[in-house]
Amino acid sequence: MSIGDTIDTVGDNVRNFLGGLTQRDRMLLGVMVTAVALAIGWFILGAMSQQTKGLKTELASASQAQQQVNALMGRYSDIAGEVTGLDTRLAAGEGFSPASWLEQLGNELGMSEGIKSIQERGVEEREYYRAQKVEVVLDNVDLRQLVKLLHKLQEAPQALRITNLRVKTDSKSREQLDIRFELAVLKPLGGA
């Protein structure tokens, strides 16, 4: 028996069943079928509505997650740029002599006579870099010169770090300052 024959047989059985019903029974059966169809439709629409709400919630959550990922990627790019810049500054510190640079800077800023001492304090190794430390003592420096010096140190192409900065007014002249600080020149590991 083929599928077509099965469909024909089922169709004949339905026609015979409906043909044997009275008009009232057919109307009652129609109302029942309509009620069942409406109930099934209501459940299907309710399920679809819940699915739609769930999908909207998931879409909003995914959109928020995408925004967070974009923000993190932007932050990562910023940090990667900073790391590249720091690597460049570390590499520029290789072969750099802080004592001669500070003397040249003192001449440039007109405070070479105020440089009392520049003493090497050794090398400190960290996980990612080496720090060559120098202690600097300056006397009779005015505030303008100090600001220019700090600006030059900040803008240096080498990676420099100032620690233990002490500024006191000079005992002889209240307009002059006595300065003591430790300057660390950061260099890559494994270099001279």
Protein backbone atom coordinates (compact mmCIF):
# COMPACT_ATOMS: atom_id res chain seq x y z
CA MET A 1 0.00 0.00 0.00
CA SER A 2 1.42 3.39 -1.01
CA ILE A 3 1.25 6.71 0.79
CA GLY A 4 -1.33 8.01 -1.64
CA ASP A 5 -3.60 5.01 -0.96
CA THR A 6 -3.19 5.54 2.80
CA ILE A 7 -4.20 9.18 2.50
CA ASP A 8 -7.22 8.25 0.41
CA THR A 9 -8.26 5.63 2.95
CA VAL A 10 -7.95 8.08 5.84
CA GLY A 11 -9.90 10.70 3.87
CA ASP A 12 -12.68 8.18 3.18
CA ASN A 13 -12.85 7.22 6.87
CA VAL A 14 -13.13 10.91 7.90
CA ARG A 15 -15.89 11.51 5.32
CA ASN A 16 -17.78 8.43 6.48
CA PHE A 17 -17.40 9.54 10.12
CA LEU A 18 -18.60 13.08 9.41
CA GLY A 19 -21.37 11.79 7.16
CA GLY A 20 -22.71 9.69 10.03
CA LEU A 21 -22.94 12.68 12.39
CA THR A 22 -25.99 14.83 12.79
CA GLN A 23 -25.89 18.55 12.06
CA ARG A 24 -25.76 19.32 15.79
CA ASP A 25 -22.86 16.87 16.34
CA ARG A 26 -20.94 18.39 13.44
CA MET A 27 -21.33 21.91 14.91
CA LEU A 28 -20.27 20.67 18.34
CA LEU A 29 -17.26 18.91 16.81
CA GLY A 30 -16.41 22.13 14.88
CA VAL A 31 -16.58 24.21 18.08
CA MET A 32 -14.40 21.68 19.91
CA VAL A 33 -11.85 21.56 17.09
CA THR A 34 -11.80 25.38 16.98
CA ALA A 35 -11.37 25.59 20.78
CA VAL A 36 -8.53 23.04 20.70
CA ALA A 37 -6.91 24.87 17.77
CA LEU A 38 -7.19 28.21 19.63
CA ALA A 39 -5.74 26.68 22.81
CA ILE A 40 -2.85 25.15 20.86
CA GLY A 41 -2.32 28.47 19.05
CA TRP A 42 -2.38 30.35 22.38
CA PHE A 43 0.25 28.01 23.85
CA ILE A 44 2.39 28.24 20.72
CA LEU A 45 2.18 32.06 20.69
CA GLY A 46 2.98 32.16 24.42
CA ALA A 47 6.00 29.95 23.91
CA MET A 48 7.12 32.05 20.95
CA SER A 49 6.64 35.22 23.01
CA GLN A 50 8.80 33.77 25.81
CA GLN A 51 11.40 32.73 23.28
CA THR A 52 11.34 36.23 21.78
CA LYS A 53 11.78 37.82 25.22
CA GLY A 54 14.61 35.40 26.00
CA LEU A 55 16.29 36.15 22.69
CA LYS A 56 15.94 39.91 23.28
CA THR A 57 17.51 39.51 26.72
CA GLU A 58 20.33 37.41 25.31
CA LEU A 59 20.83 39.93 22.49
CA ALA A 60 21.02 42.81 25.00
CA SER A 61 23.45 40.81 27.12
CA ALA A 62 25.58 39.96 24.08
CA SER A 63 25.53 43.62 22.99
CA GLN A 64 26.68 44.71 26.45
CA ALA A 65 29.38 42.03 26.43
CA GLN A 66 30.51 43.25 22.99
CA GLN A 67 30.75 46.80 24.31
CA GLN A 68 32.83 45.56 27.23
CA VAL A 69 35.08 43.61 24.87
CA ASN A 70 35.48 46.71 22.67
CA ALA A 71 36.36 48.81 25.72
CA LEU A 72 38.88 46.17 26.86
CA MET A 73 40.38 45.98 23.37
CA GLY A 74 40.76 49.77 23.34
CA ARG A 75 42.40 49.64 26.76
CA TYR A 76 44.65 46.80 25.57
CA SER A 77 45.70 48.87 22.54
CA ASP A 78 46.50 51.81 24.80
CA ILE A 79 48.55 49.63 27.14
CA ALA A 80 50.32 47.93 24.22
CA GLY A 81 51.27 51.37 22.90
CA GLU A 82 52.56 52.39 26.32
CA VAL A 83 54.58 49.17 26.57
CA THR A 84 56.07 49.77 23.13
CA GLY A 85 56.96 53.32 24.15
CA LEU A 86 58.49 52.08 27.39
CA ASP A 87 60.48 49.41 25.52
CA THR A 88 61.80 52.14 23.22
CA ARG A 89 62.73 54.30 26.21
CA LEU A 90 64.41 51.33 27.92
CA ALA A 91 66.42 50.63 24.77
CA ALA A 92 67.40 54.32 24.61
CA GLY A 93 68.87 53.96 28.12
CA GLU A 94 71.42 51.45 26.87
CA GLY A 95 74.84 53.08 26.88
CA PHE A 96 73.40 56.26 28.45
CA SER A 97 75.61 58.06 30.99
CA PRO A 98 73.42 59.92 33.49
CA ALA A 99 76.32 61.87 35.05
CA SER A 100 77.48 63.48 31.79
CA TRP A 101 73.87 64.07 30.71
CA LEU A 102 73.09 65.83 34.01
CA GLU A 103 76.20 68.00 33.67
CA GLN A 104 75.18 68.93 30.12
CA LEU A 105 71.65 69.64 31.35
CA GLY A 106 73.06 71.82 34.14
CA ASN A 107 75.00 73.87 31.56
CA GLU A 108 71.91 74.17 29.38
CA LEU A 109 69.75 75.40 32.27
CA GLY A 110 72.44 77.71 33.67
CA MET A 111 72.84 75.88 36.96
CA SER A 112 76.12 74.02 36.48
CA GLU A 113 77.70 75.87 39.40
CA GLY A 114 74.82 74.63 41.58
CA ILE A 115 75.61 70.95 40.95
CA LYS A 116 77.42 69.90 44.12
CA SER A 117 77.66 66.17 43.47
CA ILE A 118 76.61 63.40 41.15
CA GLN A 119 77.43 60.03 42.68
CA GLU A 120 76.83 56.57 41.27
CA ARG A 121 74.79 54.42 43.66
CA GLY A 122 75.00 51.10 41.85
CA VAL A 123 72.66 49.04 39.76
CA GLU A 124 69.43 47.42 40.90
CA GLU A 125 67.99 44.57 38.85
CA ARG A 126 64.25 44.04 38.63
CA GLU A 127 62.18 41.46 36.82
CA TYR A 128 62.02 43.39 33.53
CA TYR A 129 64.75 46.03 33.72
CA ARG A 130 67.92 47.23 35.40
CA ALA A 131 68.03 50.57 37.20
CA GLN A 132 71.35 52.43 37.27
CA LYS A 133 71.05 54.79 40.25
CA VAL A 134 72.69 58.18 40.66
CA GLU A 135 72.36 60.53 43.64
CA VAL A 136 72.28 64.20 42.68
CA VAL A 137 72.78 67.19 45.02
CA LEU A 138 72.04 70.71 43.76
CA ASP A 139 72.46 73.92 45.76
CA ASN A 140 71.34 77.49 45.07
CA VAL A 141 68.72 76.63 42.43
CA ASP A 142 65.66 78.81 41.94
CA LEU A 143 62.15 77.44 41.44
CA ARG A 144 62.13 78.20 37.69
CA GLN A 145 65.30 76.15 37.20
CA LEU A 146 63.87 73.29 39.27
CA VAL A 147 60.70 73.19 37.17
CA LYS A 148 62.73 73.23 33.95
CA LEU A 149 64.98 70.46 35.29
CA LEU A 150 62.03 68.26 36.26
CA HIS A 151 60.43 68.90 32.86
CA LYS A 152 63.65 67.92 31.06
CA LEU A 153 63.89 64.75 33.16
CA GLN A 154 60.28 63.86 32.34
CA GLU A 155 60.72 64.53 28.62
CA ALA A 156 64.02 62.62 28.31
CA PRO A 157 64.06 59.95 25.60
CA GLN A 158 65.42 57.49 28.17
CA ALA A 159 63.27 55.90 30.86
CA LEU A 160 64.17 57.85 33.98
CA ARG A 161 62.70 57.57 37.46
CA ILE A 162 63.17 60.10 40.25
CA THR A 163 62.98 58.88 43.83
CA ASN A 164 63.62 60.50 47.19
CA LEU A 165 63.22 64.06 45.93
CA ARG A 166 63.90 66.51 48.76
CA VAL A 167 63.60 70.26 48.29
CA LYS A 168 64.63 72.71 51.02
CA THR A 169 65.05 76.43 51.03
CA ASP A 170 68.67 77.52 51.14
CA SER A 171 69.86 78.68 54.57
CA LYS A 172 71.54 81.80 53.09
CA SER A 173 68.88 82.91 50.59
CA ARG A 174 65.16 82.14 50.95
CA GLU A 175 64.67 82.49 47.17
CA GLN A 176 67.12 79.68 46.45
CA LEU A 177 66.50 75.95 46.91
CA ASP A 178 68.73 73.05 47.87
CA ILE A 179 67.70 69.85 46.08
CA ARG A 180 68.65 66.24 46.59
CA PHE A 181 67.22 63.36 44.56
CA GLU A 182 68.00 59.90 43.34
CA LEU A 183 67.77 59.39 39.60
CA ALA A 184 67.40 55.89 38.20
CA VAL A 185 68.08 55.24 34.52
CA LEU A 186 66.09 52.20 33.47
CA LYS A 187 67.81 49.86 31.02
CA PRO A 188 66.86 46.52 29.51
CA LEU A 189 68.14 43.40 31.21
CA GLY A 190 71.27 41.82 29.76
CA GLY A 191 72.79 45.10 28.52
CA ALA A 192 75.89 46.92 29.69
